[in-house]
Amino acid sequence: MGDGGKKRFVIDPHSPYYLHLLEGPDITVVIFDGKNYDLWVRAVRAALKSNNKLAFIESMLKRPIDEDGERFSEA
Protein backbone atom coordinates (compact mmCIF):
# COMPACT_ATOMS: atom_id res chain seq x y z
CA MET A 1 0.00 0.00 0.00
CA GLY A 2 1.56 3.24 -1.12
CA ASP A 3 -1.00 5.40 0.69
CA GLY A 4 0.17 4.58 4.23
CA GLY A 5 -2.83 2.31 4.88
CA LYS A 6 -5.32 5.19 4.74
CA LYS A 7 -8.80 4.55 3.42
CA ARG A 8 -9.80 6.35 0.27
CA PHE A 9 -13.23 7.88 0.15
CA VAL A 10 -14.46 8.04 -3.43
CA ILE A 11 -17.85 9.58 -4.16
CA ASP A 12 -19.88 8.47 -7.16
CA PRO A 13 -20.66 11.49 -9.42
CA HIS A 14 -24.38 10.58 -9.20
CA SER A 15 -24.36 10.68 -5.41
CA PRO A 16 -25.88 13.69 -3.62
CA TYR A 17 -22.58 13.90 -1.70
CA TYR A 18 -20.65 14.57 -4.90
CA LEU A 19 -19.71 18.22 -5.30
CA HIS A 20 -18.62 19.23 -8.77
CA LEU A 21 -15.99 21.92 -9.18
CA LEU A 22 -18.59 24.30 -10.67
CA GLU A 23 -21.14 23.79 -7.87
CA GLY A 24 -20.51 26.49 -5.37
CA PRO A 25 -22.10 29.28 -3.39
CA ASP A 26 -23.61 30.93 -6.49
CA ILE A 27 -26.43 28.44 -6.97
CA THR A 28 -29.05 30.97 -8.09
CA VAL A 29 -29.23 34.42 -9.64
CA VAL A 30 -32.11 35.41 -7.35
CA ILE A 31 -30.74 37.37 -4.41
CA PHE A 32 -32.81 37.38 -1.25
CA ASP A 33 -33.60 40.98 -0.33
CA GLY A 34 -35.99 40.42 2.59
CA LYS A 35 -39.09 40.93 0.45
CA ASN A 36 -38.82 38.27 -2.26
CA TYR A 37 -38.78 35.10 -0.15
CA ASP A 38 -41.30 33.20 -2.32
CA LEU A 39 -39.33 33.81 -5.50
CA TRP A 40 -35.98 33.17 -3.79
CA VAL A 41 -37.03 29.88 -2.16
CA ARG A 42 -38.41 28.55 -5.46
CA ALA A 43 -35.15 29.47 -7.22
CA VAL A 44 -33.00 27.88 -4.51
CA ARG A 45 -35.09 24.69 -4.41
CA ALA A 46 -34.94 24.41 -8.23
CA ALA A 47 -31.15 24.90 -8.18
CA LEU A 48 -30.67 22.31 -5.43
CA LYS A 49 -32.93 19.82 -7.19
CA SER A 50 -31.07 20.24 -10.50
CA ASN A 51 -27.77 19.55 -8.70
CA ASN A 52 -29.17 16.51 -6.85
CA LYS A 53 -28.84 18.30 -3.48
CA LEU A 54 -32.47 18.89 -2.46
CA ALA A 55 -32.42 15.97 -0.01
CA PHE A 56 -29.99 17.91 2.19
CA ILE A 57 -32.56 20.55 3.10
CA GLU A 58 -35.50 18.14 3.19
CA SER A 59 -33.78 15.97 5.85
CA MET A 60 -34.16 12.88 3.68
CA LEU A 61 -30.46 12.09 3.34
CA LYS A 62 -28.71 9.62 5.60
CA ARG A 63 -25.06 9.77 6.58
CA PRO A 64 -22.85 7.86 4.14
CA ILE A 65 -21.50 4.41 4.98
CA ASP A 66 -17.79 3.60 4.77
CA GLU A 67 -16.21 0.49 3.29
CA ASP A 68 -16.66 -1.41 6.57
CA GLY A 69 -20.41 -0.77 6.59
CA GLU A 70 -20.26 1.84 9.37
CA ARG A 71 -21.79 5.30 9.13
CA PHE A 72 -19.37 8.23 9.06
CA SER A 73 -19.52 10.15 12.31
CA GLU A 74 -20.38 13.81 12.54
CA ALA A 75 -17.36 16.06 12.61
C-alpha atoms as a PDB file:
ATOM      1  CA  MET A   1       0.000   0.000   0.000  1.00  0.00           C
ATOM      2  CA  GLY A   2       1.564   3.243  -1.119  1.00  0.00           C
ATOM      3  CA  ASP A   3      -1.004   5.399   0.695  1.00  0.00           C
ATOM      4  CA  GLY A   4       0.166   4.580   4.227  1.00  0.00           C
ATOM      5  CA  GLY A   5      -2.834   2.310   4.884  1.00  0.00           C
ATOM      6  CA  LYS A   6      -5.316   5.190   4.743  1.00  0.00           C
ATOM      7  CA  LYS A   7      -8.799   4.547   3.417  1.00  0.00           C
ATOM      8  CA  ARG A   8      -9.799   6.353   0.269  1.00  0.00           C
ATOM      9  CA  PHE A   9     -13.229   7.882   0.147  1.00  0.00           C
ATOM     10  CA  VAL A  10     -14.463   8.043  -3.435  1.00  0.00           C
ATOM     11  CA  ILE A  11     -17.849   9.581  -4.155  1.00  0.00           C
ATOM     12  CA  ASP A  12     -19.879   8.475  -7.157  1.00  0.00           C
ATOM     13  CA  PRO A  13     -20.660  11.490  -9.416  1.00  0.00           C
ATOM     14  CA  HIS A  14     -24.377  10.580  -9.200  1.00  0.00           C
ATOM     15  CA  SER A  15     -24.355  10.682  -5.410  1.00  0.00           C
ATOM     16  CA  PRO A  16     -25.877  13.694  -3.622  1.00  0.00           C
ATOM     17  CA  TYR A  17     -22.583  13.901  -1.695  1.00  0.00           C
ATOM     18  CA  TYR A  18     -20.654  14.574  -4.896  1.00  0.00           C
ATOM     19  CA  LEU A  19     -19.708  18.217  -5.300  1.00  0.00           C
ATOM     20  CA  HIS A  20     -18.619  19.232  -8.770  1.00  0.00           C
ATOM     21  CA  LEU A  21     -15.988  21.917  -9.184  1.00  0.00           C
ATOM     22  CA  LEU A  22     -18.586  24.295 -10.666  1.00  0.00           C
ATOM     23  CA  GLU A  23     -21.136  23.791  -7.867  1.00  0.00           C
ATOM     24  CA  GLY A  24     -20.508  26.492  -5.373  1.00  0.00           C
ATOM     25  CA  PRO A  25     -22.098  29.279  -3.390  1.00  0.00           C
ATOM     26  CA  ASP A  26     -23.614  30.934  -6.485  1.00  0.00           C
ATOM     27  CA  ILE A  27     -26.435  28.441  -6.968  1.00  0.00           C
ATOM     28  CA  THR A  28     -29.053  30.973  -8.089  1.00  0.00           C
ATOM     29  CA  VAL A  29     -29.232  34.421  -9.644  1.00  0.00           C
ATOM     30  CA  VAL A  30     -32.112  35.409  -7.349  1.00  0.00           C
ATOM     31  CA  ILE A  31     -30.740  37.370  -4.414  1.00  0.00           C
ATOM     32  CA  PHE A  32     -32.811  37.377  -1.246  1.00  0.00           C
ATOM     33  CA  ASP A  33     -33.605  40.985  -0.328  1.00  0.00           C
ATOM     34  CA  GLY A  34     -35.986  40.416   2.587  1.00  0.00           C
ATOM     35  CA  LYS A  35     -39.090  40.933   0.449  1.00  0.00           C
ATOM     36  CA  ASN A  36     -38.821  38.272  -2.259  1.00  0.00           C
ATOM     37  CA  TYR A  37     -38.775  35.105  -0.148  1.00  0.00           C
ATOM     38  CA  ASP A  38     -41.301  33.203  -2.316  1.00  0.00           C
ATOM     39  CA  LEU A  39     -39.329  33.806  -5.502  1.00  0.00           C
ATOM     40  CA  TRP A  40     -35.982  33.167  -3.789  1.00  0.00           C
ATOM     41  CA  VAL A  41     -37.030  29.885  -2.157  1.00  0.00           C
ATOM     42  CA  ARG A  42     -38.415  28.549  -5.464  1.00  0.00           C
ATOM     43  CA  ALA A  43     -35.149  29.467  -7.218  1.00  0.00           C
ATOM     44  CA  VAL A  44     -32.997  27.880  -4.507  1.00  0.00           C
ATOM     45  CA  ARG A  45     -35.088  24.695  -4.415  1.00  0.00           C
ATOM     46  CA  ALA A  46     -34.940  24.406  -8.228  1.00  0.00           C
ATOM     47  CA  ALA A  47     -31.149  24.900  -8.183  1.00  0.00           C
ATOM     48  CA  LEU A  48     -30.668  22.313  -5.425  1.00  0.00           C
ATOM     49  CA  LYS A  49     -32.930  19.822  -7.189  1.00  0.00           C
ATOM     50  CA  SER A  50     -31.075  20.241 -10.497  1.00  0.00           C
ATOM     51  CA  ASN A  51     -27.774  19.551  -8.697  1.00  0.00           C
ATOM     52  CA  ASN A  52     -29.171  16.509  -6.853  1.00  0.00           C
ATOM     53  CA  LYS A  53     -28.841  18.296  -3.480  1.00  0.00           C
ATOM     54  CA  LEU A  54     -32.474  18.890  -2.462  1.00  0.00           C
ATOM     55  CA  ALA A  55     -32.417  15.966  -0.009  1.00  0.00           C
ATOM     56  CA  PHE A  56     -29.989  17.910   2.191  1.00  0.00           C
ATOM     57  CA  ILE A  57     -32.563  20.548   3.097  1.00  0.00           C
ATOM     58  CA  GLU A  58     -35.502  18.136   3.185  1.00  0.00           C
ATOM     59  CA  SER A  59     -33.784  15.965   5.850  1.00  0.00           C
ATOM     60  CA  MET A  60     -34.157  12.879   3.677  1.00  0.00           C
ATOM     61  CA  LEU A  61     -30.462  12.094   3.337  1.00  0.00           C
ATOM     62  CA  LYS A  62     -28.707   9.624   5.602  1.00  0.00           C
ATOM     63  CA  ARG A  63     -25.063   9.774   6.585  1.00  0.00           C
ATOM     64  CA  PRO A  64     -22.845   7.864   4.135  1.00  0.00           C
ATOM     65  CA  ILE A  65     -21.505   4.412   4.978  1.00  0.00           C
ATOM     66  CA  ASP A  66     -17.791   3.605   4.771  1.00  0.00           C
ATOM     67  CA  GLU A  67     -16.205   0.489   3.289  1.00  0.00           C
ATOM     68  CA  ASP A  68     -16.664  -1.406   6.571  1.00  0.00           C
ATOM     69  CA  GLY A  69     -20.415  -0.766   6.590  1.00  0.00           C
ATOM     70  CA  GLU A  70     -20.261   1.840   9.367  1.00  0.00           C
ATOM     71  CA  ARG A  71     -21.786   5.303   9.134  1.00  0.00           C
ATOM     72  CA  PHE A  72     -19.375   8.228   9.055  1.00  0.00           C
ATOM     73  CA  SER A  73     -19.516  10.150  12.311  1.00  0.00           C
ATOM     74  CA  GLU A  74     -20.377  13.813  12.545  1.00  0.00           C
ATOM     75  CA  ALA A  75     -17.357  16.063  12.612  1.00  0.00           C
END
